[in-house]
Amino acid sequence: MKKSYLKNGLKDGVPICLGYFAVSFAFGMVAKEMGLSTFQAVLLSITNVTSAGQFGGLNLIAIGAGYYEVICTQIILNLRYSLMSCSLSQKLDSSAGLGHRLLVAYGVTDEIFGVSVSREEKISPYYSYGLIVISVFGWVLGTFLGVVSGKFLPASISSALGIALYGMFLAIIIPPSKTNKVICGVVIISMIGSVLFSILPYLKEISFGFRIIILTLIIAGIAAWLFPVNEEYKEETAHAA
């Protein structure tokens, strides 16, 4: 049964692996441009497995941000994984002990979480291991090849491939913004706030990392307070998914 669960997880994780490969390839190229070695970039991908966190971390490293800045930014950017883990823990088989749960928690990402919770039955930790192994493999392999190829590809091609990062962010925010006015408003206000922090006196003196922290806490906090997600909306979203 363990092998069967593992094989099913590996099979279901192939699409995630391919998607991660494309994004992490861009990450590897950016990491190389910012001076990270192949070992450092690969180690970062193995220990983080989070696109937003890793790209955000690279920007902070590039501008020489302090440790506290990096830590606070990473906590905020990846806070959603704590909520996903709490939800996913309810789906895991009751026989899964603390050790299994800690290992599964390592690989909780948006895509792995989405595939896992969509299953009607309880989840074996070995199914999760299959998802995690194949997905992380794609993420790390893409990072490695991105760093290595960045050393040989012409500068024009490297620059062109680098826009994959911005395409990824657009792909994340545009679809929900088109169907949800609240999200659209939050995105627009966030852009305006970011511009104001870049041009206004005093505000532009705040470091990049703390700008992200301040804007995220204020804008997301106000949006959550004024427009809480009700149960009816959750059900509609689940059915749509």
Protein backbone atom coordinates (compact mmCIF):
# COMPACT_ATOMS: atom_id res chain seq x y z
CA MET A 1 0.00 0.00 0.00
CA LYS A 2 2.85 2.38 0.81
CA LYS A 3 4.35 1.87 -2.65
CA SER A 4 0.95 2.39 -4.25
CA TYR A 5 0.41 5.66 -2.41
CA LEU A 6 3.92 6.79 -3.29
CA LYS A 7 3.42 6.00 -6.99
CA ASN A 8 0.12 7.87 -7.06
CA GLY A 9 1.75 10.88 -5.46
CA LEU A 10 4.59 10.81 -7.97
CA LYS A 11 2.12 10.59 -10.86
CA ASP A 12 -0.07 13.42 -9.59
CA GLY A 13 3.00 15.56 -8.95
CA VAL A 14 4.34 15.48 -12.53
CA PRO A 15 2.40 18.62 -13.66
CA ILE A 16 3.64 20.46 -10.55
CA CYS A 17 7.19 19.33 -11.32
CA LEU A 18 7.03 20.75 -14.85
CA GLY A 19 5.58 24.05 -13.64
CA TYR A 20 8.18 24.37 -10.91
CA PHE A 21 10.97 23.63 -13.36
CA ALA A 22 10.02 26.60 -15.53
CA VAL A 23 9.82 29.07 -12.63
CA SER A 24 12.92 27.80 -10.81
CA PHE A 25 14.91 28.02 -14.05
CA ALA A 26 14.27 31.77 -13.99
CA PHE A 27 15.16 31.83 -10.29
CA GLY A 28 18.49 30.13 -11.01
CA MET A 29 19.32 32.72 -13.64
CA VAL A 30 18.45 35.60 -11.32
CA ALA A 31 20.47 34.01 -8.49
CA LYS A 32 23.48 33.74 -10.78
CA GLU A 33 23.12 37.37 -11.82
CA MET A 34 23.08 38.41 -8.14
CA GLY A 35 26.32 36.60 -7.42
CA LEU A 36 25.16 33.37 -5.78
CA SER A 37 27.15 30.24 -6.54
CA THR A 38 25.53 27.11 -7.93
CA PHE A 39 25.74 25.44 -4.52
CA GLN A 40 24.20 28.44 -2.75
CA ALA A 41 21.31 28.71 -5.22
CA VAL A 42 20.55 24.98 -5.09
CA LEU A 43 20.78 24.92 -1.29
CA LEU A 44 18.38 27.88 -1.14
CA SER A 45 15.87 26.01 -3.32
CA ILE A 46 16.13 22.76 -1.34
CA THR A 47 15.60 24.46 2.00
CA ASN A 48 12.87 26.93 0.96
CA VAL A 49 10.77 25.58 -1.93
CA THR A 50 8.86 28.86 -2.25
CA SER A 51 8.97 31.09 -5.31
CA ALA A 52 7.79 34.33 -3.68
CA GLY A 53 10.01 33.82 -0.65
CA GLN A 54 13.10 32.98 -2.65
CA PHE A 55 12.75 35.79 -5.17
CA GLY A 56 11.98 38.21 -2.35
CA GLY A 57 14.99 36.93 -0.44
CA LEU A 58 17.24 37.46 -3.45
CA ASN A 59 16.18 41.10 -3.69
CA LEU A 60 16.93 41.61 0.00
CA ILE A 61 20.32 39.91 -0.33
CA ALA A 62 21.14 42.09 -3.33
CA ILE A 63 20.50 45.33 -1.42
CA GLY A 64 22.34 44.13 1.69
CA ALA A 65 19.30 43.89 3.97
CA GLY A 66 19.79 42.86 7.59
CA TYR A 67 18.91 39.47 9.03
CA TYR A 68 15.83 40.73 10.87
CA GLU A 69 14.52 42.30 7.69
CA VAL A 70 14.94 39.05 5.79
CA ILE A 71 13.36 37.00 8.58
CA CYS A 72 10.32 39.27 8.97
CA THR A 73 9.77 39.43 5.21
CA GLN A 74 9.97 35.66 4.85
CA ILE A 75 7.54 35.11 7.70
CA ILE A 76 4.97 37.42 6.11
CA LEU A 77 5.44 36.11 2.56
CA ASN A 78 5.12 32.49 3.70
CA LEU A 79 2.59 32.88 6.51
CA ARG A 80 -0.10 31.29 4.35
CA TYR A 81 1.70 27.96 4.55
CA SER A 82 0.96 27.77 8.26
CA LEU A 83 -2.75 28.00 7.51
CA MET A 84 -2.43 25.44 4.73
CA SER A 85 -0.59 23.08 7.07
CA CYS A 86 -3.33 23.34 9.67
CA SER A 87 -5.92 22.49 7.03
CA LEU A 88 -3.86 19.69 5.51
CA SER A 89 -3.24 18.10 8.92
CA GLN A 90 -6.97 17.37 9.07
CA LYS A 91 -6.72 15.45 5.78
CA LEU A 92 -3.80 13.26 6.81
CA ASP A 93 -4.49 9.70 7.89
CA SER A 94 -4.91 9.51 11.67
CA SER A 95 -2.11 6.94 11.84
CA ALA A 96 0.41 9.53 10.63
CA GLY A 97 2.55 10.43 13.63
CA LEU A 98 4.49 13.57 14.43
CA GLY A 99 7.49 12.51 12.34
CA HIS A 100 5.37 12.04 9.22
CA ARG A 101 3.59 15.33 9.78
CA LEU A 102 6.86 17.24 10.11
CA LEU A 103 8.16 15.73 6.88
CA VAL A 104 4.92 16.53 5.04
CA ALA A 105 5.04 20.11 6.40
CA TYR A 106 8.37 20.63 4.62
CA GLY A 107 6.67 20.29 1.24
CA VAL A 108 3.51 22.33 1.79
CA THR A 109 3.24 24.69 -1.19
CA ASP A 110 0.24 26.25 -2.94
CA GLU A 111 0.17 23.60 -5.66
CA ILE A 112 0.88 20.58 -3.46
CA PHE A 113 -1.75 21.79 -1.00
CA GLY A 114 -4.29 22.24 -3.81
CA VAL A 115 -3.75 18.72 -5.15
CA SER A 116 -3.83 17.20 -1.66
CA VAL A 117 -7.04 18.80 -0.39
CA SER A 118 -8.86 18.03 -3.63
CA ARG A 119 -8.74 14.31 -2.80
CA GLU A 120 -11.92 13.08 -1.14
CA GLU A 121 -10.34 10.36 0.99
CA LYS A 122 -7.84 10.70 3.80
CA ILE A 123 -4.27 11.24 2.64
CA SER A 124 -1.48 8.81 3.38
CA PRO A 125 1.82 10.54 4.20
CA TYR A 126 3.41 8.38 1.51
CA TYR A 127 1.15 9.98 -1.09
CA SER A 128 2.39 13.36 0.13
CA TYR A 129 5.98 12.14 -0.09
CA GLY A 130 5.42 11.26 -3.74
CA LEU A 131 4.05 14.73 -4.46
CA ILE A 132 6.88 16.41 -2.57
CA VAL A 133 9.75 14.36 -4.04
CA ILE A 134 8.80 14.89 -7.70
CA SER A 135 7.86 18.56 -7.17
CA VAL A 136 11.02 19.46 -5.25
CA PHE A 137 13.07 17.57 -7.84
CA GLY A 138 11.67 19.82 -10.57
CA TRP A 139 12.25 22.92 -8.46
CA VAL A 140 15.87 22.07 -7.63
CA LEU A 141 16.74 20.81 -11.12
CA GLY A 142 15.36 23.99 -12.67
CA THR A 143 17.41 26.09 -10.26
CA PHE A 144 20.59 24.18 -11.05
CA LEU A 145 20.14 24.37 -14.81
CA GLY A 146 19.16 28.04 -14.56
CA VAL A 147 22.42 28.89 -12.80
CA VAL A 148 24.56 26.74 -15.12
CA SER A 149 22.92 27.86 -18.36
CA GLY A 150 23.19 31.47 -17.25
CA LYS A 151 26.93 31.12 -17.57
CA PHE A 152 26.74 30.10 -21.24
CA LEU A 153 23.65 31.75 -22.69
CA PRO A 154 24.08 35.13 -24.43
CA ALA A 155 23.17 38.14 -22.32
CA SER A 156 20.22 38.98 -24.59
CA ILE A 157 18.65 35.54 -24.11
CA SER A 158 19.30 35.58 -20.37
CA SER A 159 17.57 38.95 -20.08
CA ALA A 160 14.62 37.74 -22.13
CA LEU A 161 14.19 34.62 -20.01
CA GLY A 162 14.43 36.76 -16.89
CA ILE A 163 10.99 38.23 -17.56
CA ALA A 164 9.54 34.83 -16.63
CA LEU A 165 9.58 36.07 -13.04
CA TYR A 166 7.31 39.00 -13.86
CA GLY A 167 5.10 36.77 -15.97
CA MET A 168 4.71 34.44 -12.99
CA PHE A 169 3.57 37.28 -10.74
CA LEU A 170 1.13 38.54 -13.36
CA ALA A 171 -0.26 35.03 -13.76
CA ILE A 172 -0.87 34.94 -10.01
CA ILE A 173 -2.65 38.28 -9.59
CA ILE A 174 -4.56 38.81 -12.86
CA PRO A 175 -7.00 35.82 -12.84
CA PRO A 176 -8.37 36.43 -9.32
CA SER A 177 -8.39 40.20 -9.91
CA LYS A 178 -10.66 39.74 -12.92
CA THR A 179 -13.27 37.84 -10.92
CA ASN A 180 -13.01 39.50 -7.50
CA LYS A 181 -13.31 43.29 -7.10
CA VAL A 182 -11.82 43.21 -3.60
CA ILE A 183 -8.66 41.47 -4.78
CA CYS A 184 -8.45 43.83 -7.74
CA GLY A 185 -8.71 46.80 -5.39
CA VAL A 186 -6.04 45.38 -3.09
CA VAL A 187 -3.67 44.86 -6.03
CA ILE A 188 -4.18 48.43 -7.31
CA ILE A 189 -3.80 49.97 -3.84
CA SER A 190 -0.65 47.89 -3.28
CA MET A 191 0.85 49.23 -6.51
CA ILE A 192 -0.01 52.82 -5.57
CA GLY A 193 1.40 52.32 -2.08
CA SER A 194 4.63 50.90 -3.47
CA VAL A 195 5.03 53.92 -5.77
CA LEU A 196 4.37 56.34 -2.90
CA PHE A 197 7.00 54.61 -0.77
CA SER A 198 9.46 55.09 -3.61
CA ILE A 199 8.93 58.82 -4.19
CA LEU A 200 7.68 60.47 -0.99
CA PRO A 201 10.13 62.04 1.48
CA TYR A 202 10.87 59.94 4.58
CA LEU A 203 8.94 56.98 3.16
CA LYS A 204 11.53 56.41 0.44
CA GLU A 205 14.19 56.17 3.14
CA ILE A 206 12.58 52.96 4.41
CA SER A 207 14.39 49.87 3.16
CA PHE A 208 12.84 47.62 0.53
CA GLY A 209 12.24 44.75 2.94
CA PHE A 210 10.36 46.82 5.49
CA ARG A 211 8.29 48.43 2.72
CA ILE A 212 6.95 44.96 1.87
CA ILE A 213 6.25 44.24 5.54
CA ILE A 214 4.44 47.54 6.16
CA LEU A 215 2.35 47.46 2.99
CA THR A 216 1.40 43.80 3.46
CA LEU A 217 0.31 44.22 7.07
CA ILE A 218 -1.65 47.44 6.49
CA ILE A 219 -3.34 46.69 3.16
CA ALA A 220 -4.02 42.98 3.72
CA GLY A 221 -5.12 43.64 7.30
CA ILE A 222 -7.61 46.36 6.33
CA ALA A 223 -8.95 44.24 3.43
CA ALA A 224 -9.44 41.23 5.70
CA TRP A 225 -11.21 43.40 8.29
CA LEU A 226 -13.52 45.20 5.85
CA PHE A 227 -14.17 42.28 3.49
CA PRO A 228 -13.95 39.00 5.42
CA VAL A 229 -14.37 35.83 3.37
CA ASN A 230 -17.68 34.22 4.32
CA GLU A 231 -18.47 30.52 4.23
CA GLU A 232 -20.75 30.89 1.20
CA TYR A 233 -17.91 32.37 -0.83
CA LYS A 234 -15.57 29.58 0.26
CA GLU A 235 -18.04 26.95 -0.91
CA GLU A 236 -18.52 28.68 -4.27
CA THR A 237 -14.75 28.89 -4.71
CA ALA A 238 -14.32 25.22 -3.85
CA HIS A 239 -16.99 24.17 -6.35
CA ALA A 240 -15.43 26.37 -9.04
CA ALA A 241 -12.02 24.79 -8.41
